[in-house]
Amino acid sequence: MKRILFVILTLSLILAACTPTVSTPTGQTFTDGLGRTITLTGTPERIISLAPSNTEILYAIGAGDQVVGRDEFSNYPEEALAVPTVGGSMGDFNLETIVSLKPDLVLAASINTPEQVKALEDLGLTVYTLTNPADMDGMYANLLTVGSLAGKSREAAELVEKLQGRVKAVQDKILPLSYAPLVFYELDGSDPAKPWTMGPNTFLSKLIRMAGGFNLGDSLSSEWGQFSQEELIKTNPQIILLGDSNYGVTPEQVAARPGWDALTAVQENQVYPFNDDLVSRPGPRMVDGLEALARLLHPGIWD
């Protein structure tokens, strides 16, 4: 029965994703996240990824050997670092390098602009833009879509099944709990008096909820915004997660900020560095991020 339910869910995700719409003697036709139609005449053997999430997806489904180019931010998995970069650090890509790599598929993402996609198309390249998912189901659908594009449908379906199992294991632990700590997730504390965080209906906010917490940023009116020091002291989060720890911010620095010693999270040493890549890149490591969040918010239940 469990296997049947998985098959049904997988099929529904495939239908919801940008999967092939037409099969012709000359290839398969797909509709991407921008509503554009592209045709692949065969399995792409030379793929360029223009986003870290795309790179992680390709390697996770076993298509790493097909990746011949990546954006400069793609740093996971480690073997991806050996792949030539095509720029992207300032939002610009080296079109000459991209063309020289002779890709039969360029995999873009929502962080790439329509203008960048058009510039690549004008060079005669096949470009597919992957939609940014809003939740786990959307992320699973993206895995299946890339699996279809890269000729790794079976591997992608198997990966989705494993990820769903891991998410269920977290939910089985979290759902019975009656306690949910208030969490402040710091995206950027370069101005300690007004640190940035993520707002409601974002993937990160949903992950915090799935991990058994309340996101302080849900009180914002936009997907991201700033909290004043006064607002933080008033709402008094019980846990602070430092998504900017990748840029050197430490719990000790947070504790030394003027006025922050009034926060419960600081007083009880509940300020933790957190690898923001796990929750900001919409790929399979989102499940790693969920597991990491759950263990920080509810450490006692994992013994």
Protein backbone atom coordinates (compact mmCIF):
# COMPACT_ATOMS: atom_id res chain seq x y z
CA MET A 1 0.00 0.00 0.00
CA LYS A 2 2.81 2.39 0.92
CA ARG A 3 4.51 1.66 -2.39
CA ILE A 4 1.27 2.33 -4.30
CA LEU A 5 0.82 5.67 -2.55
CA PHE A 6 4.38 6.65 -3.45
CA VAL A 7 3.81 5.77 -7.11
CA ILE A 8 0.61 7.83 -7.17
CA LEU A 9 2.34 10.81 -5.56
CA THR A 10 5.30 10.53 -7.90
CA LEU A 11 3.03 10.47 -10.93
CA SER A 12 1.12 13.50 -9.67
CA LEU A 13 4.36 15.40 -9.13
CA ILE A 14 5.51 14.53 -12.62
CA LEU A 15 2.26 15.88 -14.06
CA ALA A 16 2.54 19.02 -11.95
CA ALA A 17 6.15 19.62 -12.96
CA CYS A 18 7.43 20.76 -16.32
CA THR A 19 7.64 17.29 -17.83
CA PRO A 20 7.56 16.40 -21.52
CA THR A 21 4.40 17.64 -23.20
CA VAL A 22 4.99 16.10 -26.60
CA SER A 23 7.05 13.21 -27.95
CA THR A 24 7.94 13.43 -31.63
CA PRO A 25 10.26 11.53 -33.96
CA THR A 26 12.74 14.39 -33.55
CA GLY A 27 12.77 14.50 -29.73
CA GLN A 28 10.87 15.47 -26.60
CA THR A 29 9.23 18.83 -26.03
CA PHE A 30 9.17 20.44 -22.57
CA THR A 31 7.58 23.58 -21.14
CA ASP A 32 9.79 25.37 -18.62
CA GLY A 33 9.14 27.68 -15.69
CA LEU A 34 8.94 30.73 -17.96
CA GLY A 35 6.29 29.07 -20.11
CA ARG A 36 8.76 28.55 -22.94
CA THR A 37 8.78 25.42 -25.09
CA ILE A 38 12.08 23.64 -25.67
CA THR A 39 12.88 20.45 -27.55
CA LEU A 40 15.61 17.94 -26.74
CA THR A 41 16.62 15.67 -29.58
CA GLY A 42 18.22 13.20 -27.17
CA THR A 43 19.64 12.86 -23.70
CA PRO A 44 21.89 15.89 -23.07
CA GLU A 45 25.48 14.85 -22.53
CA ARG A 46 26.84 18.35 -21.89
CA ILE A 47 24.87 20.38 -19.32
CA ILE A 48 25.71 23.81 -17.91
CA SER A 49 24.13 24.77 -14.58
CA LEU A 50 23.51 28.44 -13.84
CA ALA A 51 22.46 28.03 -10.18
CA PRO A 52 23.81 26.17 -7.13
CA SER A 53 20.48 24.42 -6.58
CA ASN A 54 20.51 23.09 -10.14
CA THR A 55 24.05 21.81 -9.71
CA GLU A 56 23.16 20.01 -6.49
CA ILE A 57 20.11 18.44 -8.12
CA LEU A 58 22.10 17.20 -11.10
CA TYR A 59 24.71 15.53 -8.93
CA ALA A 60 22.10 14.11 -6.55
CA ILE A 61 20.29 12.29 -9.36
CA GLY A 62 23.52 10.89 -10.80
CA ALA A 63 23.94 13.33 -13.68
CA GLY A 64 27.18 14.87 -12.40
CA ASP A 65 29.22 13.38 -15.25
CA GLN A 66 27.04 15.35 -17.68
CA VAL A 67 27.82 18.72 -16.06
CA VAL A 68 30.47 20.60 -18.07
CA GLY A 69 29.96 24.10 -16.62
CA ARG A 70 28.64 25.75 -13.47
CA ASP A 71 28.03 29.17 -11.96
CA GLU A 72 30.64 30.49 -9.53
CA PHE A 73 28.45 29.92 -6.46
CA SER A 74 28.05 26.19 -7.09
CA ASN A 75 30.33 24.69 -4.44
CA TYR A 76 28.56 21.44 -3.58
CA PRO A 77 29.18 18.58 -3.91
CA GLU A 78 32.96 18.80 -3.76
CA GLU A 79 33.44 17.18 -7.17
CA ALA A 80 31.53 20.08 -8.74
CA LEU A 81 34.45 22.35 -7.91
CA ALA A 82 36.47 20.63 -10.63
CA VAL A 83 33.94 21.75 -13.27
CA PRO A 84 34.78 24.98 -15.16
CA THR A 85 32.90 28.09 -14.06
CA VAL A 86 30.97 30.34 -16.43
CA GLY A 87 30.75 33.40 -14.16
CA GLY A 88 27.73 34.69 -12.32
CA SER A 89 29.39 36.27 -9.27
CA MET A 90 28.03 39.71 -10.19
CA GLY A 91 24.96 38.38 -11.96
CA ASP A 92 26.74 38.29 -15.30
CA PHE A 93 27.79 35.15 -17.14
CA ASN A 94 30.64 34.73 -19.60
CA LEU A 95 28.75 33.97 -22.79
CA GLU A 96 31.95 33.19 -24.69
CA THR A 97 32.90 30.53 -22.13
CA ILE A 98 29.39 29.06 -22.19
CA VAL A 99 29.45 28.73 -25.97
CA SER A 100 32.95 27.25 -25.93
CA LEU A 101 31.75 24.42 -23.66
CA LYS A 102 29.28 23.36 -26.38
CA PRO A 103 26.35 22.52 -24.08
CA ASP A 104 23.33 20.70 -25.41
CA LEU A 105 21.36 21.99 -22.40
CA VAL A 106 21.72 25.06 -20.19
CA LEU A 107 19.79 24.66 -16.94
CA ALA A 108 18.75 28.05 -15.56
CA ALA A 109 16.76 28.94 -12.44
CA SER A 110 14.47 31.67 -11.15
CA ILE A 111 17.52 33.66 -10.00
CA ASN A 112 18.50 34.02 -13.66
CA THR A 113 16.70 36.84 -15.44
CA PRO A 114 14.58 36.41 -18.59
CA GLU A 115 17.07 38.71 -20.31
CA GLN A 116 19.92 36.34 -19.52
CA VAL A 117 17.88 33.42 -20.82
CA LYS A 118 17.12 35.29 -24.05
CA ALA A 119 20.79 36.21 -24.54
CA LEU A 120 21.68 32.52 -24.36
CA GLU A 121 18.84 31.56 -26.68
CA ASP A 122 20.00 34.17 -29.20
CA LEU A 123 23.30 32.28 -29.32
CA GLY A 124 21.44 29.18 -30.46
CA LEU A 125 21.60 27.40 -27.08
CA THR A 126 18.84 25.28 -25.55
CA VAL A 127 17.90 26.81 -22.19
CA TYR A 128 15.48 25.39 -19.63
CA THR A 129 14.47 27.53 -16.62
CA LEU A 130 13.56 25.60 -13.49
CA THR A 131 10.83 27.15 -11.33
CA ASN A 132 11.75 28.09 -7.76
CA PRO A 133 9.70 25.76 -5.52
CA ALA A 134 7.62 27.06 -2.63
CA ASP A 135 7.60 23.87 -0.58
CA MET A 136 8.82 20.28 -0.40
CA ASP A 137 6.37 19.01 -3.00
CA GLY A 138 7.62 21.65 -5.42
CA MET A 139 11.20 20.62 -4.72
CA TYR A 140 10.34 16.95 -5.36
CA ALA A 141 8.69 17.98 -8.64
CA ASN A 142 11.86 19.82 -9.69
CA LEU A 143 13.94 16.71 -9.02
CA LEU A 144 11.64 14.67 -11.24
CA THR A 145 11.72 17.35 -13.94
CA VAL A 146 15.52 17.47 -14.03
CA GLY A 147 15.50 13.68 -14.04
CA SER A 148 13.36 13.74 -17.18
CA LEU A 149 15.59 16.34 -18.82
CA ALA A 150 18.86 14.56 -18.00
CA GLY A 151 17.71 11.01 -18.75
CA LYS A 152 17.75 10.10 -15.04
CA SER A 153 14.03 9.64 -14.35
CA ARG A 154 14.44 6.41 -12.38
CA GLU A 155 17.25 7.81 -10.25
CA ALA A 156 15.25 10.98 -9.55
CA ALA A 157 12.17 8.99 -8.52
CA GLU A 158 14.26 6.85 -6.17
CA LEU A 159 15.81 9.96 -4.64
CA VAL A 160 12.39 11.53 -4.09
CA GLU A 161 11.19 8.40 -2.31
CA LYS A 162 14.21 8.47 0.03
CA LEU A 163 13.77 12.17 0.76
CA GLN A 164 10.07 11.71 1.48
CA GLY A 165 10.95 8.98 3.95
CA ARG A 166 13.39 11.24 5.77
CA VAL A 167 10.85 14.06 5.94
CA LYS A 168 8.25 11.66 7.33
CA ALA A 169 10.72 10.51 9.99
CA VAL A 170 11.09 14.13 11.14
CA GLN A 171 7.34 14.71 11.11
CA ASP A 172 6.72 11.56 13.13
CA LYS A 173 8.97 13.01 15.83
CA ILE A 174 7.67 16.58 15.69
CA LEU A 175 3.90 16.24 15.27
CA PRO A 176 3.20 14.82 18.76
CA LEU A 177 5.03 17.72 20.47
CA SER A 178 3.04 20.45 22.18
CA TYR A 179 5.96 22.89 22.54
CA ALA A 180 7.23 25.07 19.67
CA PRO A 181 9.98 27.63 20.37
CA LEU A 182 9.95 31.10 18.85
CA VAL A 183 12.83 31.30 16.36
CA PHE A 184 14.64 34.29 14.89
CA TYR A 185 16.59 33.37 11.77
CA GLU A 186 19.21 36.01 11.01
CA LEU A 187 19.98 36.45 7.33
CA ASP A 188 22.15 39.54 7.66
CA GLY A 189 23.23 41.15 10.93
CA SER A 190 25.70 43.64 9.46
CA ASP A 191 23.48 46.27 11.10
CA PRO A 192 22.95 44.71 14.55
CA ALA A 193 20.28 47.28 15.38
CA LYS A 194 18.17 46.09 12.43
CA PRO A 195 19.02 42.52 11.33
CA TRP A 196 17.34 40.99 8.30
CA THR A 197 15.22 37.85 8.38
CA MET A 198 12.78 35.84 6.22
CA GLY A 199 9.06 36.57 6.28
CA PRO A 200 5.87 34.49 6.01
CA ASN A 201 5.09 31.91 3.32
CA THR A 202 8.76 31.50 2.43
CA PHE A 203 10.31 28.05 2.10
CA LEU A 204 12.46 28.76 5.16
CA SER A 205 9.46 29.73 7.27
CA LYS A 206 7.72 26.51 6.26
CA LEU A 207 10.82 24.50 7.17
CA ILE A 208 10.96 26.09 10.63
CA ARG A 209 7.30 25.16 11.13
CA MET A 210 7.93 21.60 9.93
CA ALA A 211 10.85 21.40 12.37
CA GLY A 212 8.57 22.31 15.26
CA GLY A 213 9.14 26.03 15.67
CA PHE A 214 7.50 29.42 15.09
CA ASN A 215 9.27 31.84 12.75
CA LEU A 216 9.43 35.31 14.26
CA GLY A 217 9.61 36.67 10.71
CA ASP A 218 6.05 35.54 10.03
CA SER A 219 4.90 38.84 11.54
CA LEU A 220 6.44 40.72 8.62
CA SER A 221 4.34 41.90 5.68
CA SER A 222 6.87 40.81 3.04
CA GLU A 223 9.06 37.81 2.24
CA TRP A 224 12.00 39.41 4.02
CA GLY A 225 12.53 42.42 6.21
CA GLN A 226 14.28 43.91 9.23
CA PHE A 227 13.57 43.71 12.94
CA SER A 228 14.65 46.53 15.22
CA GLN A 229 16.48 45.69 18.40
CA GLU A 230 13.48 46.99 20.34
CA GLU A 231 11.13 44.61 18.49
CA LEU A 232 13.44 41.67 19.14
CA ILE A 233 13.61 42.42 22.85
CA LYS A 234 9.82 42.78 22.99
CA THR A 235 9.10 39.49 21.15
CA ASN A 236 12.07 37.76 22.84
CA PRO A 237 12.89 34.73 20.64
CA GLN A 238 13.94 31.60 22.47
CA ILE A 239 16.30 30.46 19.72
CA ILE A 240 18.42 32.50 17.29
CA LEU A 241 19.84 30.83 14.19
CA LEU A 242 22.68 32.59 12.39
CA GLY A 243 22.23 32.07 8.67
CA ASP A 244 24.99 34.64 8.24
CA SER A 245 27.49 32.42 10.07
CA ASN A 246 28.81 31.53 6.59
CA TYR A 247 30.09 35.13 6.55
CA GLY A 248 31.80 34.90 9.93
CA VAL A 249 29.06 35.90 12.38
CA THR A 250 29.39 33.97 15.65
CA PRO A 251 27.22 33.46 18.75
CA GLU A 252 29.88 35.29 20.77
CA GLN A 253 29.55 38.35 18.53
CA VAL A 254 25.77 38.26 18.90
CA ALA A 255 26.02 38.07 22.69
CA ALA A 256 28.31 41.12 22.66
CA ARG A 257 25.84 43.30 20.72
CA PRO A 258 24.52 46.17 22.87
CA GLY A 259 21.19 45.22 24.41
CA TRP A 260 21.11 41.68 23.06
CA ASP A 261 21.95 40.27 26.48
CA ALA A 262 18.29 40.88 27.37
CA LEU A 263 17.21 38.14 24.96
CA THR A 264 16.33 34.72 26.32
CA ALA A 265 18.18 33.05 23.44
CA VAL A 266 21.39 34.83 24.45
CA GLN A 267 20.94 34.27 28.17
CA GLU A 268 20.35 30.53 27.69
CA ASN A 269 23.08 30.06 25.05
CA GLN A 270 20.51 29.21 22.39
CA VAL A 271 22.26 31.10 19.58
CA TYR A 272 23.52 28.72 16.93
CA PRO A 273 25.48 29.05 13.67
CA PHE A 274 23.53 27.55 10.78
CA ASN A 275 24.58 26.60 7.25
CA ASP A 276 22.25 28.80 5.21
CA ASP A 277 23.05 26.86 2.03
CA LEU A 278 20.87 24.02 3.37
CA VAL A 279 17.72 26.16 3.41
CA SER A 280 18.37 28.77 0.72
CA ARG A 281 19.15 26.43 -2.18
CA PRO A 282 15.94 24.71 -3.34
CA GLY A 283 17.42 21.26 -3.90
CA PRO A 284 17.65 17.91 -2.11
CA ARG A 285 19.73 19.34 0.74
CA MET A 286 16.57 21.12 1.91
CA VAL A 287 15.85 17.85 3.70
CA ASP A 288 19.28 18.07 5.38
CA GLY A 289 18.24 21.57 6.45
CA LEU A 290 14.94 20.34 7.88
CA GLU A 291 16.73 17.63 9.88
CA ALA A 292 19.30 20.13 11.17
CA LEU A 293 16.57 22.58 12.20
CA ALA A 294 14.58 19.89 14.00
CA ARG A 295 17.63 18.76 15.97
CA LEU A 296 18.40 22.31 17.07
CA LEU A 297 14.82 23.19 18.01
CA HIS A 298 14.07 19.90 19.77
CA PRO A 299 17.38 18.26 20.70
CA GLY A 300 15.97 15.98 23.37
CA ILE A 301 13.74 13.89 21.13
CA TRP A 302 16.60 12.50 19.03
CA ASP A 303 18.34 10.54 21.78
